[in-house]
Amino acid sequence: MPSKPPPNVADPDAVEEAGTPPPPDAGQAPVSLAGLGIAGLSRHRIGWAAVALVTVWILVSFAGQASAAARAAERATQEQTTNQALVARVAALRDELSLVQTQRWILQQARAYGLGTRVERPFAIAADAPSIAPDAPGSPARRLGSVVERRSPLDVWLDALFGTGGGAGG
């Protein structure tokens, strides 16, 4: 008498049509793969791999947070510098505003448009005008109280040839 096949082996007498899956057996127990060591993986090694992955994920997220905090601190420093520059600019603009509101400034600007008094003579200096000579009237060399050193031409030549005399017998 032939032996009976085990329950998990398909019946050779059953006819299956091509392309249709066999109906699931409700009475069969699922196949357990716990006894197979697939490529050297065990529950212990898979657990350690999961712990390692979670640890790496936590470290990467912590590093991302730390770099974001460093960028935020750098941006805060830049914003403080920008704010200080803006405060200085606002102060300078307020000073300029108080200057241009004075009567003296208004009268000076009015003269630029020829709105001075009748005794004033309007004038303008050309943009390509040469600078004044060092000994022109009004220059520091010709001001009242300035000491003008008058030297003879002989003294000028002697100083040019021998240098300025520091004193006799040296």
Protein backbone atom coordinates (compact mmCIF):
# COMPACT_ATOMS: atom_id res chain seq x y z
CA MET A 1 0.00 0.00 0.00
CA PRO A 2 1.39 3.39 -0.96
CA SER A 3 2.13 5.86 1.82
CA LYS A 4 -0.06 8.88 2.25
CA PRO A 5 1.64 12.21 1.35
CA PRO A 6 2.15 14.77 4.13
CA PRO A 7 -0.63 17.36 4.46
CA ASN A 8 1.51 20.29 3.20
CA VAL A 9 2.31 18.62 -0.16
CA ALA A 10 -0.08 19.19 -3.05
CA ASP A 11 -2.26 16.32 -4.17
CA PRO A 12 -0.85 14.99 -7.47
CA ASP A 13 -4.29 13.88 -8.58
CA ALA A 14 -5.71 17.39 -8.42
CA VAL A 15 -6.01 19.12 -11.77
CA GLU A 16 -4.99 22.74 -11.84
CA GLU A 17 -5.73 25.13 -14.63
CA ALA A 18 -2.91 27.25 -15.95
CA GLY A 19 -2.96 30.86 -14.70
CA THR A 20 -5.29 30.41 -11.76
CA PRO A 21 -3.84 30.30 -8.26
CA PRO A 22 -4.74 27.36 -6.08
CA PRO A 23 -7.37 28.08 -3.45
CA PRO A 24 -5.96 28.78 0.02
CA ASP A 25 -6.25 25.98 2.51
CA ALA A 26 -7.96 27.12 5.66
CA GLY A 27 -6.85 24.15 7.64
CA GLN A 28 -3.09 24.50 7.04
CA ALA A 29 -0.79 26.13 9.59
CA PRO A 30 1.47 28.94 8.29
CA VAL A 31 5.03 27.98 7.54
CA SER A 32 7.48 29.27 10.18
CA LEU A 33 10.82 30.65 9.01
CA ALA A 34 12.20 31.04 12.53
CA GLY A 35 14.30 27.94 12.20
CA LEU A 36 16.05 29.14 9.03
CA GLY A 37 19.13 31.33 9.47
CA ILE A 38 18.75 33.56 6.40
CA ALA A 39 22.15 34.95 5.43
CA GLY A 40 23.35 34.83 9.02
CA LEU A 41 20.53 37.02 10.35
CA SER A 42 19.13 36.20 13.72
CA ARG A 43 16.67 38.04 15.91
CA HIS A 44 19.53 39.22 18.07
CA ARG A 45 21.44 40.72 15.11
CA ILE A 46 18.31 42.32 13.65
CA GLY A 47 17.62 43.88 17.07
CA TRP A 48 21.13 45.33 17.24
CA ALA A 49 20.80 46.65 13.66
CA ALA A 50 17.50 48.35 14.60
CA VAL A 51 19.10 49.90 17.69
CA ALA A 52 22.03 51.10 15.57
CA LEU A 53 19.68 52.65 13.01
CA VAL A 54 17.68 54.44 15.71
CA THR A 55 20.92 55.71 17.29
CA VAL A 56 22.19 57.03 13.95
CA TRP A 57 18.83 58.67 13.30
CA ILE A 58 18.91 60.40 16.71
CA LEU A 59 22.52 61.58 16.16
CA VAL A 60 21.72 62.95 12.70
CA SER A 61 18.65 64.78 13.99
CA PHE A 62 20.66 66.21 16.91
CA ALA A 63 23.39 67.38 14.52
CA GLY A 64 20.74 69.03 12.34
CA GLN A 65 19.32 70.84 15.36
CA ALA A 66 22.77 71.97 16.47
CA SER A 67 23.63 73.33 13.02
CA ALA A 68 20.27 75.10 12.82
CA ALA A 69 20.95 76.71 16.21
CA ALA A 70 24.40 77.84 15.05
CA ARG A 71 22.90 79.38 11.89
CA ALA A 72 20.26 81.14 13.99
CA ALA A 73 22.92 82.56 16.33
CA GLU A 74 24.97 83.80 13.37
CA ARG A 75 21.90 85.42 11.82
CA ALA A 76 21.07 87.08 15.15
CA THR A 77 24.58 88.56 15.27
CA GLN A 78 24.20 89.86 11.71
CA GLU A 79 20.82 91.37 12.56
CA GLN A 80 22.30 93.11 15.62
CA THR A 81 25.07 94.60 13.45
CA THR A 82 22.50 95.73 10.89
CA ASN A 83 20.35 97.26 13.62
CA GLN A 84 23.32 99.19 15.03
CA ALA A 85 24.13 100.55 11.58
CA LEU A 86 20.50 101.57 11.08
CA VAL A 87 20.41 103.29 14.49
CA ALA A 88 23.53 105.29 13.54
CA ARG A 89 21.99 106.20 10.16
CA VAL A 90 18.73 107.32 11.80
CA ALA A 91 20.69 109.49 14.26
CA ALA A 92 22.65 111.08 11.40
CA LEU A 93 19.44 111.75 9.46
CA ARG A 94 17.83 113.35 12.54
CA ASP A 95 20.87 115.59 12.97
CA GLU A 96 20.67 116.57 9.30
CA LEU A 97 16.96 117.26 9.62
CA SER A 98 17.53 119.56 12.60
CA LEU A 99 20.26 121.34 10.61
CA VAL A 100 18.17 121.95 7.49
CA GLN A 101 15.32 123.32 9.58
CA THR A 102 17.42 126.16 10.99
CA GLN A 103 16.86 129.67 9.64
CA ARG A 104 20.54 130.06 8.78
CA TRP A 105 20.47 127.00 6.45
CA ILE A 106 17.28 128.17 4.78
CA LEU A 107 18.74 131.61 4.07
CA GLN A 108 21.94 130.09 2.66
CA GLN A 109 19.99 127.81 0.32
CA ALA A 110 17.78 130.72 -0.73
CA ARG A 111 20.87 132.65 -1.80
CA ALA A 112 21.75 129.78 -4.16
CA TYR A 113 18.52 130.62 -6.02
CA GLY A 114 19.21 134.37 -6.01
CA LEU A 115 16.76 135.12 -3.19
CA GLY A 116 19.19 137.09 -0.99
CA THR A 117 18.90 140.72 0.09
CA ARG A 118 19.27 143.67 -2.31
CA VAL A 119 22.76 144.54 -1.13
CA GLU A 120 24.16 141.07 -1.89
CA ARG A 121 25.86 140.32 -5.16
CA PRO A 122 25.24 136.78 -6.34
CA PHE A 123 28.24 134.98 -7.79
CA ALA A 124 29.26 131.47 -8.77
CA ILE A 125 32.63 129.80 -9.13
CA ALA A 126 33.14 127.80 -12.28
CA ALA A 127 33.57 124.06 -11.81
CA ASP A 128 36.89 124.06 -13.71
CA ALA A 129 38.35 127.11 -11.93
CA PRO A 130 41.98 126.69 -10.77
CA SER A 131 42.85 126.81 -7.09
CA ILE A 132 44.18 130.07 -5.67
CA ALA A 133 47.87 130.77 -5.35
CA PRO A 134 49.51 130.24 -1.92
CA ASP A 135 50.25 133.97 -1.58
CA ALA A 136 46.86 135.21 -2.84
CA PRO A 137 44.91 137.67 -0.71
CA GLY A 138 43.10 135.79 2.04
CA SER A 139 45.54 132.88 2.04
CA PRO A 140 47.28 131.95 5.32
CA ALA A 141 50.58 133.45 4.14
CA ARG A 142 49.01 136.88 3.75
CA ARG A 143 46.71 137.02 6.74
CA LEU A 144 46.85 139.85 9.22
CA GLY A 145 49.35 139.10 11.94
CA SER A 146 51.30 136.46 10.04
CA VAL A 147 55.05 136.86 10.20
CA VAL A 148 56.64 137.21 6.80
CA GLU A 149 60.31 136.30 6.76
CA ARG A 150 62.20 138.61 4.41
CA ARG A 151 65.56 137.26 3.31
CA SER A 152 68.09 138.61 0.94
CA PRO A 153 68.77 136.74 -2.31
CA LEU A 154 72.33 136.02 -1.10
CA ASP A 155 70.97 134.22 1.98
CA VAL A 156 68.62 132.18 -0.19
CA TRP A 157 71.56 131.12 -2.46
CA LEU A 158 73.81 130.26 0.47
CA ASP A 159 71.07 128.12 2.03
CA ALA A 160 70.50 126.38 -1.29
CA LEU A 161 74.22 125.63 -1.78
CA PHE A 162 75.32 124.82 1.78
CA GLY A 163 72.07 124.11 3.62
CA THR A 164 70.61 126.07 6.44
CA GLY A 165 73.16 127.24 9.00
CA GLY A 166 72.61 125.68 12.43
CA GLY A 167 74.99 128.10 14.13
CA ALA A 168 78.67 129.15 14.14
CA GLY A 169 81.52 126.88 15.25
CA GLY A 170 79.91 123.52 15.15
